[in-house]
């Protein structure tokens, strides 16, 4: 089974990006080796549900994780922890513990990075294919609402990503204001 080609944002590149961000945040947040293993496993699986479709993909991701991870020696408690992290990436994010906060922050790490607009364009393309957006102004208004409501949970993400995220928000607002 392969990811559909129209998923320009929810792609293997996104999974690798979230994995790398989770690894960096996990180290910065001082989690232990077992927690890191669970975190990185959750990062690999967090969007696997897109193999079956976009709707409720987090639930499907948990099903896929439950079906496969038992074969790799993960116990029920570890799989529950992994599924908790996967579900914490559902928008709006509602993490219930530190590991869930780390994965939630890793999933949206790009919001406060220099490649924000490049990655955002991939999401714009994907949402356009699904018919959720008609034009760039709609996209920019959506981004403003999203960035204004989003917040990072971990100290590490707040320290390393918040300021840049706020600059991106200002840039998008300027784009919209210049069109009025």
N, C-alpha and C. Protein backbone atom coordinates (compact mmCIF):
# COMPACT_ATOMS: atom_id res chain seq x y z
N UNK A 1 0.85 -1.18 0.00
CA UNK A 1 0.00 0.00 0.00
C UNK A 1 0.89 1.24 0.00
N UNK A 2 0.53 2.21 -0.83
CA UNK A 2 1.31 3.45 -0.93
C UNK A 2 0.44 4.66 -0.61
N UNK A 3 1.11 5.73 -0.21
CA UNK A 3 0.40 6.99 -0.01
C UNK A 3 -0.08 7.52 -1.36
N UNK A 4 -1.27 8.09 -1.41
CA UNK A 4 -1.74 8.69 -2.66
C UNK A 4 -0.81 9.82 -3.10
N UNK A 5 -0.65 9.94 -4.42
CA UNK A 5 0.28 10.93 -4.98
C UNK A 5 -0.14 12.37 -4.69
N UNK A 6 -1.45 12.62 -4.47
CA UNK A 6 -1.91 13.99 -4.24
C UNK A 6 -1.59 14.50 -2.83
N UNK A 7 -0.99 13.66 -2.01
CA UNK A 7 -0.60 14.10 -0.66
C UNK A 7 0.78 14.77 -0.74
N UNK A 8 0.77 16.03 -1.05
CA UNK A 8 2.03 16.77 -1.20
C UNK A 8 2.61 17.18 0.15
N UNK A 9 1.75 17.31 1.16
CA UNK A 9 2.22 17.66 2.51
C UNK A 9 2.35 16.41 3.38
N UNK A 10 1.30 15.63 3.47
CA UNK A 10 1.31 14.41 4.29
C UNK A 10 2.01 13.29 3.51
N UNK A 11 3.32 13.44 3.41
CA UNK A 11 4.15 12.56 2.60
C UNK A 11 5.24 11.94 3.46
N UNK A 12 6.07 11.13 2.83
CA UNK A 12 7.21 10.54 3.52
C UNK A 12 8.13 11.65 4.05
N UNK A 13 8.26 12.74 3.29
CA UNK A 13 9.09 13.87 3.74
C UNK A 13 8.56 14.42 5.07
N UNK A 14 7.24 14.52 5.18
CA UNK A 14 6.65 15.02 6.44
C UNK A 14 6.95 14.06 7.59
N UNK A 15 6.82 12.78 7.35
CA UNK A 15 7.10 11.79 8.40
C UNK A 15 8.55 11.91 8.87
N UNK A 16 9.47 12.01 7.93
CA UNK A 16 10.89 12.16 8.28
C UNK A 16 11.13 13.46 9.03
N UNK A 17 10.46 14.53 8.61
CA UNK A 17 10.59 15.82 9.27
C UNK A 17 10.10 15.74 10.72
N UNK A 18 8.96 15.12 10.93
CA UNK A 18 8.41 14.99 12.28
C UNK A 18 9.31 14.09 13.13
N UNK A 19 9.82 13.03 12.56
CA UNK A 19 10.75 12.13 13.26
C UNK A 19 11.97 12.92 13.75
N UNK A 20 12.57 13.69 12.84
CA UNK A 20 13.77 14.47 13.20
C UNK A 20 13.46 15.52 14.26
N UNK A 21 12.33 16.20 14.12
CA UNK A 21 11.93 17.20 15.11
C UNK A 21 11.65 16.54 16.46
N UNK A 22 11.00 15.38 16.45
CA UNK A 22 10.72 14.66 17.69
C UNK A 22 12.02 14.25 18.38
N UNK A 23 12.97 13.79 17.60
CA UNK A 23 14.26 13.39 18.17
C UNK A 23 14.96 14.59 18.82
N UNK A 24 14.97 15.72 18.13
CA UNK A 24 15.60 16.92 18.68
C UNK A 24 14.88 17.40 19.94
N UNK A 25 13.55 17.46 19.88
CA UNK A 25 12.78 17.92 21.03
C UNK A 25 12.90 16.94 22.20
N UNK A 26 12.87 15.65 21.90
CA UNK A 26 13.00 14.64 22.94
C UNK A 26 14.32 14.79 23.70
N UNK A 27 15.40 15.01 22.94
CA UNK A 27 16.72 15.23 23.58
C UNK A 27 16.70 16.50 24.42
N UNK A 28 16.18 17.56 23.83
CA UNK A 28 16.14 18.86 24.54
C UNK A 28 15.27 18.79 25.79
N UNK A 29 14.22 17.96 25.75
CA UNK A 29 13.31 17.82 26.88
C UNK A 29 13.80 16.79 27.90
N UNK A 30 14.91 16.11 27.60
CA UNK A 30 15.54 15.21 28.56
C UNK A 30 14.81 13.90 28.82
N UNK A 31 14.13 13.36 27.81
CA UNK A 31 13.43 12.10 28.04
C UNK A 31 14.43 10.93 28.02
N UNK A 32 14.04 9.82 28.64
CA UNK A 32 14.95 8.68 28.71
C UNK A 32 14.89 7.84 27.43
N UNK A 33 15.76 6.83 27.34
CA UNK A 33 15.90 6.04 26.11
C UNK A 33 14.61 5.30 25.74
N UNK A 34 13.92 4.74 26.72
CA UNK A 34 12.68 4.02 26.42
C UNK A 34 11.60 4.99 25.92
N UNK A 35 11.49 6.14 26.55
CA UNK A 35 10.53 7.14 26.10
C UNK A 35 10.88 7.61 24.68
N UNK A 36 12.17 7.76 24.39
CA UNK A 36 12.60 8.18 23.06
C UNK A 36 12.18 7.14 22.02
N UNK A 37 12.35 5.87 22.35
CA UNK A 37 11.94 4.81 21.43
C UNK A 37 10.44 4.92 21.13
N UNK A 38 9.64 5.11 22.16
CA UNK A 38 8.19 5.23 21.97
C UNK A 38 7.84 6.48 21.17
N UNK A 39 8.50 7.59 21.49
CA UNK A 39 8.27 8.86 20.78
C UNK A 39 8.57 8.72 19.30
N UNK A 40 9.73 8.16 18.98
CA UNK A 40 10.13 8.05 17.58
C UNK A 40 9.26 7.05 16.82
N UNK A 41 8.81 6.01 17.52
CA UNK A 41 7.88 5.07 16.89
C UNK A 41 6.57 5.78 16.57
N UNK A 42 6.08 6.57 17.51
CA UNK A 42 4.85 7.33 17.27
C UNK A 42 5.03 8.30 16.11
N UNK A 43 6.21 8.91 16.00
CA UNK A 43 6.47 9.82 14.88
C UNK A 43 6.37 9.08 13.55
N UNK A 44 6.92 7.86 13.48
CA UNK A 44 6.85 7.09 12.24
C UNK A 44 5.41 6.76 11.87
N UNK A 45 4.59 6.45 12.87
CA UNK A 45 3.24 5.97 12.61
C UNK A 45 2.17 7.06 12.61
N UNK A 46 2.49 8.28 13.03
CA UNK A 46 1.44 9.25 13.35
C UNK A 46 0.50 9.59 12.18
N UNK A 47 0.96 9.52 10.96
CA UNK A 47 0.10 9.80 9.81
C UNK A 47 -0.08 8.58 8.90
N UNK A 48 0.23 7.40 9.40
CA UNK A 48 0.10 6.19 8.58
C UNK A 48 -1.35 5.94 8.16
N UNK A 49 -2.29 6.47 8.91
CA UNK A 49 -3.70 6.33 8.57
C UNK A 49 -4.07 6.95 7.24
N UNK A 50 -3.24 7.86 6.73
CA UNK A 50 -3.48 8.43 5.41
C UNK A 50 -3.44 7.37 4.32
N UNK A 51 -2.87 6.20 4.63
CA UNK A 51 -2.90 5.09 3.68
C UNK A 51 -4.35 4.67 3.39
N UNK A 52 -5.23 4.92 4.36
CA UNK A 52 -6.64 4.55 4.22
C UNK A 52 -7.53 5.75 3.92
N UNK A 53 -7.03 6.96 4.13
CA UNK A 53 -7.80 8.16 3.85
C UNK A 53 -7.52 9.24 4.87
N UNK A 54 -7.90 10.47 4.54
CA UNK A 54 -7.61 11.62 5.39
C UNK A 54 -8.53 11.69 6.61
N UNK A 55 -9.79 11.32 6.43
CA UNK A 55 -10.77 11.43 7.51
C UNK A 55 -10.40 10.49 8.65
N UNK A 56 -10.32 11.06 9.85
CA UNK A 56 -9.99 10.28 11.06
C UNK A 56 -8.71 9.47 10.89
N UNK A 57 -7.74 10.05 10.20
CA UNK A 57 -6.51 9.29 9.95
C UNK A 57 -5.74 8.96 11.22
N UNK A 58 -5.93 9.75 12.27
CA UNK A 58 -5.23 9.44 13.53
C UNK A 58 -5.75 8.12 14.11
N UNK A 59 -7.05 7.90 14.05
CA UNK A 59 -7.63 6.64 14.54
C UNK A 59 -7.10 5.48 13.71
N UNK A 60 -7.07 5.66 12.40
CA UNK A 60 -6.53 4.62 11.52
C UNK A 60 -5.04 4.39 11.79
N UNK A 61 -4.31 5.48 12.08
CA UNK A 61 -2.89 5.34 12.41
C UNK A 61 -2.70 4.47 13.65
N UNK A 62 -3.57 4.66 14.64
CA UNK A 62 -3.51 3.83 15.86
C UNK A 62 -3.82 2.38 15.54
N UNK A 63 -4.79 2.14 14.69
CA UNK A 63 -5.11 0.76 14.31
C UNK A 63 -3.92 0.09 13.64
N UNK A 64 -3.30 0.81 12.73
CA UNK A 64 -2.12 0.28 12.03
C UNK A 64 -1.00 0.00 13.03
N UNK A 65 -0.77 0.93 13.94
CA UNK A 65 0.27 0.75 14.95
C UNK A 65 -0.03 -0.48 15.82
N UNK A 66 -1.27 -0.60 16.28
CA UNK A 66 -1.64 -1.74 17.13
C UNK A 66 -1.45 -3.07 16.41
N UNK A 67 -1.82 -3.10 15.14
CA UNK A 67 -1.70 -4.34 14.37
C UNK A 67 -0.25 -4.74 14.12
N UNK A 68 0.63 -3.76 13.93
CA UNK A 68 2.00 -4.09 13.54
C UNK A 68 2.99 -4.11 14.69
N UNK A 69 2.83 -3.22 15.67
CA UNK A 69 3.87 -3.09 16.70
C UNK A 69 3.95 -4.30 17.63
N UNK A 70 2.86 -5.01 17.79
CA UNK A 70 2.90 -6.20 18.63
C UNK A 70 3.90 -7.21 18.06
N UNK A 71 4.07 -7.20 16.73
CA UNK A 71 5.01 -8.11 16.06
C UNK A 71 6.47 -7.69 16.25
N UNK A 72 6.67 -6.50 16.78
CA UNK A 72 8.03 -6.00 17.00
C UNK A 72 8.38 -5.94 18.49
N UNK A 73 7.60 -6.63 19.31
CA UNK A 73 7.91 -6.74 20.73
C UNK A 73 7.41 -5.61 21.60
N UNK A 74 6.58 -4.74 21.08
CA UNK A 74 5.99 -3.68 21.90
C UNK A 74 4.86 -4.29 22.74
N UNK A 75 4.82 -3.94 24.01
CA UNK A 75 3.73 -4.45 24.85
C UNK A 75 2.52 -3.53 24.77
N UNK A 76 1.41 -3.97 25.36
CA UNK A 76 0.15 -3.22 25.26
C UNK A 76 0.27 -1.81 25.84
N UNK A 77 0.99 -1.68 26.96
CA UNK A 77 1.14 -0.35 27.58
C UNK A 77 1.93 0.59 26.66
N UNK A 78 2.99 0.07 26.04
CA UNK A 78 3.77 0.90 25.12
C UNK A 78 2.94 1.31 23.91
N UNK A 79 2.16 0.39 23.39
CA UNK A 79 1.31 0.70 22.23
C UNK A 79 0.26 1.73 22.61
N UNK A 80 -0.30 1.63 23.81
CA UNK A 80 -1.26 2.65 24.27
C UNK A 80 -0.60 4.01 24.37
N UNK A 81 0.64 4.04 24.86
CA UNK A 81 1.39 5.29 24.96
C UNK A 81 1.62 5.88 23.57
N UNK A 82 1.99 5.03 22.61
CA UNK A 82 2.22 5.46 21.24
C UNK A 82 0.92 6.00 20.63
N UNK A 83 -0.18 5.31 20.86
CA UNK A 83 -1.47 5.77 20.32
C UNK A 83 -1.90 7.09 20.97
N UNK A 84 -1.59 7.27 22.23
CA UNK A 84 -1.88 8.56 22.87
C UNK A 84 -1.14 9.69 22.19
N UNK A 85 0.12 9.45 21.84
CA UNK A 85 0.90 10.46 21.14
C UNK A 85 0.33 10.73 19.75
N UNK A 86 -0.05 9.67 19.04
CA UNK A 86 -0.63 9.84 17.71
C UNK A 86 -1.89 10.68 17.81
N UNK A 87 -2.76 10.37 18.74
CA UNK A 87 -4.02 11.11 18.88
C UNK A 87 -3.79 12.56 19.30
N UNK A 88 -2.68 12.83 19.97
CA UNK A 88 -2.35 14.20 20.39
C UNK A 88 -2.01 15.10 19.20
N UNK A 89 -1.77 14.51 18.03
CA UNK A 89 -1.47 15.32 16.85
C UNK A 89 -2.74 15.76 16.12
N UNK A 90 -3.89 15.25 16.52
CA UNK A 90 -5.16 15.64 15.90
C UNK A 90 -5.43 17.12 16.20
N UNK A 91 -5.81 17.85 15.18
CA UNK A 91 -6.09 19.28 15.31
C UNK A 91 -7.53 19.47 15.76
N UNK A 92 -7.83 20.24 16.79
CA UNK A 92 -6.87 20.97 17.64
C UNK A 92 -6.15 19.99 18.58
N UNK A 93 -4.88 20.24 18.75
CA UNK A 93 -4.04 19.36 19.56
C UNK A 93 -4.42 19.45 21.04
N UNK A 94 -4.52 18.27 21.66
CA UNK A 94 -4.85 18.22 23.09
C UNK A 94 -3.99 17.17 23.80
N UNK A 95 -2.69 17.40 23.87
CA UNK A 95 -1.83 16.43 24.54
C UNK A 95 -2.13 16.35 26.04
N UNK A 96 -1.99 15.15 26.58
CA UNK A 96 -2.31 14.93 28.00
C UNK A 96 -1.09 14.62 28.86
N UNK A 97 0.08 14.49 28.24
CA UNK A 97 1.31 14.24 29.00
C UNK A 97 2.51 14.76 28.21
N UNK A 98 3.67 14.65 28.81
CA UNK A 98 4.88 15.23 28.23
C UNK A 98 5.22 14.64 26.87
N UNK A 99 5.15 13.32 26.73
CA UNK A 99 5.46 12.71 25.43
C UNK A 99 4.48 13.17 24.35
N UNK A 100 3.22 13.27 24.70
CA UNK A 100 2.23 13.76 23.75
C UNK A 100 2.51 15.21 23.36
N UNK A 101 2.95 16.01 24.32
CA UNK A 101 3.31 17.40 24.02
C UNK A 101 4.48 17.46 23.04
N UNK A 102 5.45 16.59 23.24
CA UNK A 102 6.63 16.59 22.37
C UNK A 102 6.23 16.24 20.94
N UNK A 103 5.42 15.19 20.76
CA UNK A 103 5.04 14.81 19.41
C UNK A 103 4.13 15.87 18.77
N UNK A 104 3.24 16.44 19.55
CA UNK A 104 2.39 17.51 19.01
C UNK A 104 3.25 18.67 18.51
N UNK A 105 4.25 19.05 19.28
CA UNK A 105 5.15 20.13 18.86
C UNK A 105 5.98 19.73 17.65
N UNK A 106 6.43 18.48 17.61
CA UNK A 106 7.23 18.01 16.48
C UNK A 106 6.41 18.01 15.19
N UNK A 107 5.13 17.66 15.30
CA UNK A 107 4.27 17.59 14.12
C UNK A 107 4.10 18.96 13.47
N UNK A 108 4.15 20.02 14.26
CA UNK A 108 3.98 21.38 13.74
C UNK A 108 5.24 22.22 13.94
N UNK A 109 6.36 21.56 14.04
CA UNK A 109 7.64 22.23 14.24
C UNK A 109 7.91 23.26 13.14
N UNK A 110 7.53 22.94 11.91
CA UNK A 110 7.84 23.80 10.78
C UNK A 110 7.21 25.20 10.90
N UNK A 111 6.17 25.34 11.73
CA UNK A 111 5.52 26.65 11.87
C UNK A 111 6.50 27.73 12.33
N UNK A 112 7.53 27.32 13.04
CA UNK A 112 8.51 28.27 13.55
C UNK A 112 9.89 28.11 12.94
N UNK A 113 9.94 27.61 11.71
CA UNK A 113 11.23 27.40 11.05
C UNK A 113 11.32 28.23 9.78
N UNK A 114 12.54 28.31 9.25
CA UNK A 114 12.79 29.08 8.04
C UNK A 114 12.11 28.48 6.80
N UNK A 115 11.81 27.17 6.82
CA UNK A 115 11.17 26.53 5.66
C UNK A 115 9.64 26.55 5.76
N UNK A 116 9.11 27.41 6.63
CA UNK A 116 7.66 27.49 6.85
C UNK A 116 6.88 27.68 5.55
N UNK A 117 7.29 28.63 4.72
CA UNK A 117 6.52 28.94 3.51
C UNK A 117 6.65 27.82 2.48
N UNK A 118 7.81 27.20 2.38
CA UNK A 118 7.99 26.07 1.46
C UNK A 118 7.09 24.91 1.85
N UNK A 119 7.09 24.55 3.12
CA UNK A 119 6.25 23.45 3.59
C UNK A 119 4.78 23.85 3.54
N UNK A 120 4.49 25.08 3.90
CA UNK A 120 3.12 25.55 3.85
C UNK A 120 2.53 25.48 2.44
N UNK A 121 3.35 25.75 1.43
CA UNK A 121 2.88 25.66 0.05
C UNK A 121 2.47 24.24 -0.31
N UNK A 122 3.16 23.26 0.26
CA UNK A 122 2.78 21.85 0.03
C UNK A 122 1.41 21.57 0.65
N UNK A 123 1.17 22.12 1.83
CA UNK A 123 -0.13 21.93 2.46
C UNK A 123 -1.22 22.65 1.68
N UNK A 124 -0.93 23.86 1.20
CA UNK A 124 -1.88 24.60 0.37
C UNK A 124 -2.28 23.77 -0.85
N UNK A 125 -1.29 23.20 -1.52
CA UNK A 125 -1.55 22.36 -2.70
C UNK A 125 -2.42 21.17 -2.34
N UNK A 126 -2.10 20.52 -1.24
CA UNK A 126 -2.86 19.35 -0.83
C UNK A 126 -4.31 19.72 -0.48
N UNK A 127 -4.49 20.79 0.27
CA UNK A 127 -5.84 21.21 0.64
C UNK A 127 -6.65 21.66 -0.57
N UNK A 128 -5.96 22.23 -1.55
CA UNK A 128 -6.63 22.65 -2.79
C UNK A 128 -7.14 21.43 -3.56
N UNK A 129 -6.33 20.37 -3.61
CA UNK A 129 -6.73 19.14 -4.29
C UNK A 129 -7.99 18.56 -3.64
N UNK A 130 -8.06 18.64 -2.31
CA UNK A 130 -9.22 18.14 -1.59
C UNK A 130 -10.42 19.08 -1.69
N UNK A 131 -10.22 20.27 -2.28
CA UNK A 131 -11.32 21.21 -2.47
C UNK A 131 -11.62 22.06 -1.25
N UNK A 132 -10.68 22.13 -0.29
CA UNK A 132 -10.90 22.93 0.91
C UNK A 132 -10.58 24.41 0.70
N UNK A 133 -9.81 24.71 -0.33
CA UNK A 133 -9.40 26.10 -0.58
C UNK A 133 -9.57 26.43 -2.06
N UNK A 134 -9.92 27.68 -2.32
CA UNK A 134 -10.08 28.11 -3.70
C UNK A 134 -8.94 28.98 -4.20
N UNK A 135 -8.30 29.71 -3.26
CA UNK A 135 -7.27 30.64 -3.71
C UNK A 135 -6.30 30.96 -2.56
N UNK A 136 -5.27 31.72 -2.91
CA UNK A 136 -4.21 32.03 -1.95
C UNK A 136 -4.71 32.91 -0.80
N UNK A 137 -5.65 33.80 -1.07
CA UNK A 137 -6.18 34.64 0.02
C UNK A 137 -6.92 33.78 1.05
N UNK A 138 -7.71 32.81 0.58
CA UNK A 138 -8.37 31.89 1.51
C UNK A 138 -7.33 31.15 2.35
N UNK A 139 -6.27 30.73 1.69
CA UNK A 139 -5.19 30.02 2.38
C UNK A 139 -4.54 30.92 3.43
N UNK A 140 -4.26 32.15 3.08
CA UNK A 140 -3.61 33.06 4.02
C UNK A 140 -4.53 33.37 5.21
N UNK A 141 -5.83 33.52 4.96
CA UNK A 141 -6.76 33.74 6.07
C UNK A 141 -6.81 32.50 6.99
N UNK A 142 -6.79 31.33 6.40
CA UNK A 142 -6.76 30.08 7.18
C UNK A 142 -5.50 30.01 8.02
N UNK A 143 -4.37 30.36 7.41
CA UNK A 143 -3.10 30.33 8.15
C UNK A 143 -3.10 31.32 9.32
N UNK A 144 -3.65 32.50 9.11
CA UNK A 144 -3.72 33.48 10.20
C UNK A 144 -4.52 32.91 11.36
N UNK A 145 -5.71 32.37 11.06
CA UNK A 145 -6.53 31.78 12.13
C UNK A 145 -5.80 30.64 12.83
N UNK A 146 -5.13 29.80 12.05
CA UNK A 146 -4.43 28.66 12.63
C UNK A 146 -3.24 29.11 13.49
N UNK A 147 -2.43 30.00 12.96
CA UNK A 147 -1.26 30.46 13.72
C UNK A 147 -1.66 31.22 14.98
N UNK A 148 -2.75 31.96 14.91
CA UNK A 148 -3.21 32.69 16.10
C UNK A 148 -3.73 31.74 17.17
N UNK A 149 -4.28 30.62 16.78
CA UNK A 149 -4.83 29.68 17.77
C UNK A 149 -3.82 28.63 18.22
N UNK A 150 -2.78 28.42 17.44
CA UNK A 150 -1.78 27.39 17.77
C UNK A 150 -0.86 27.85 18.90
N UNK A 151 -0.46 26.91 19.72
CA UNK A 151 0.61 27.18 20.69
C UNK A 151 1.45 25.94 20.88
N UNK A 152 2.73 26.16 21.10
CA UNK A 152 3.64 25.07 21.41
C UNK A 152 3.47 24.72 22.89
N UNK A 153 3.77 23.47 23.21
CA UNK A 153 3.56 22.97 24.56
C UNK A 153 4.86 22.84 25.36
N UNK A 154 5.94 22.44 24.71
CA UNK A 154 7.19 22.18 25.43
C UNK A 154 8.02 23.45 25.57
N UNK A 155 8.81 23.50 26.61
CA UNK A 155 9.71 24.64 26.82
C UNK A 155 10.67 24.78 25.64
N UNK A 156 11.14 23.64 25.14
CA UNK A 156 12.11 23.65 24.05
C UNK A 156 11.52 24.25 22.77
N UNK A 157 10.31 23.84 22.42
CA UNK A 157 9.68 24.38 21.20
C UNK A 157 9.35 25.85 21.37
N UNK A 158 8.87 26.22 22.55
CA UNK A 158 8.58 27.64 22.81
C UNK A 158 9.84 28.48 22.64
N UNK A 159 10.95 27.99 23.18
CA UNK A 159 12.20 28.75 23.11
C UNK A 159 12.77 28.80 21.70
N UNK A 160 12.62 27.72 20.93
CA UNK A 160 13.28 27.66 19.63
C UNK A 160 12.39 28.01 18.45
N UNK A 161 11.06 27.99 18.61
CA UNK A 161 10.18 28.16 17.45
C UNK A 161 9.16 29.30 17.56
N UNK A 162 8.80 29.70 18.75
CA UNK A 162 7.71 30.66 18.92
C UNK A 162 7.97 32.01 18.24
N UNK A 163 9.14 32.56 18.42
CA UNK A 163 9.43 33.89 17.87
C UNK A 163 9.34 33.88 16.33
N UNK A 164 9.89 32.86 15.71
CA UNK A 164 9.85 32.77 14.25
C UNK A 164 8.42 32.55 13.76
N UNK A 165 7.64 31.77 14.50
CA UNK A 165 6.24 31.55 14.15
C UNK A 165 5.48 32.88 14.16
N UNK A 166 5.74 33.71 15.14
CA UNK A 166 5.09 35.02 15.23
C UNK A 166 5.48 35.92 14.06
N UNK A 167 6.73 35.83 13.62
CA UNK A 167 7.16 36.59 12.44
C UNK A 167 6.42 36.12 11.19
N UNK A 168 6.24 34.81 11.06
CA UNK A 168 5.49 34.29 9.91
C UNK A 168 4.06 34.81 9.92
N UNK A 169 3.46 34.85 11.09
CA UNK A 169 2.10 35.36 11.22
C UNK A 169 2.04 36.82 10.75
N UNK A 170 2.99 37.63 11.17
CA UNK A 170 3.03 39.03 10.74
C UNK A 170 3.18 39.15 9.23
N UNK A 171 4.02 38.30 8.65
CA UNK A 171 4.24 38.33 7.20
C UNK A 171 2.95 38.00 6.44
N UNK A 172 2.23 37.01 6.91
CA UNK A 172 0.99 36.63 6.25
C UNK A 172 -0.05 37.73 6.39
N UNK A 173 -0.14 38.34 7.56
CA UNK A 173 -1.08 39.45 7.75
C UNK A 173 -0.74 40.61 6.83
N UNK A 174 0.54 40.88 6.64
CA UNK A 174 0.96 41.95 5.72
C UNK A 174 0.51 41.64 4.29
N UNK A 175 0.67 40.38 3.87
CA UNK A 175 0.23 39.98 2.54
C UNK A 175 -1.26 40.25 2.36
N UNK A 176 -2.03 39.87 3.34
CA UNK A 176 -3.48 40.09 3.27
C UNK A 176 -3.83 41.57 3.29
N UNK A 177 -3.19 42.34 4.13
CA UNK A 177 -3.47 43.78 4.25
C UNK A 177 -3.11 44.53 2.98
N UNK A 178 -2.07 44.07 2.30
CA UNK A 178 -1.65 44.73 1.06
C UNK A 178 -2.61 44.47 -0.09
N UNK A 179 -3.51 43.50 0.06
CA UNK A 179 -4.48 43.19 -1.00
C UNK A 179 -5.81 43.89 -0.78
N UNK A 180 -5.99 44.52 0.37
CA UNK A 180 -7.27 45.18 0.66
C UNK A 180 -7.36 46.52 -0.02
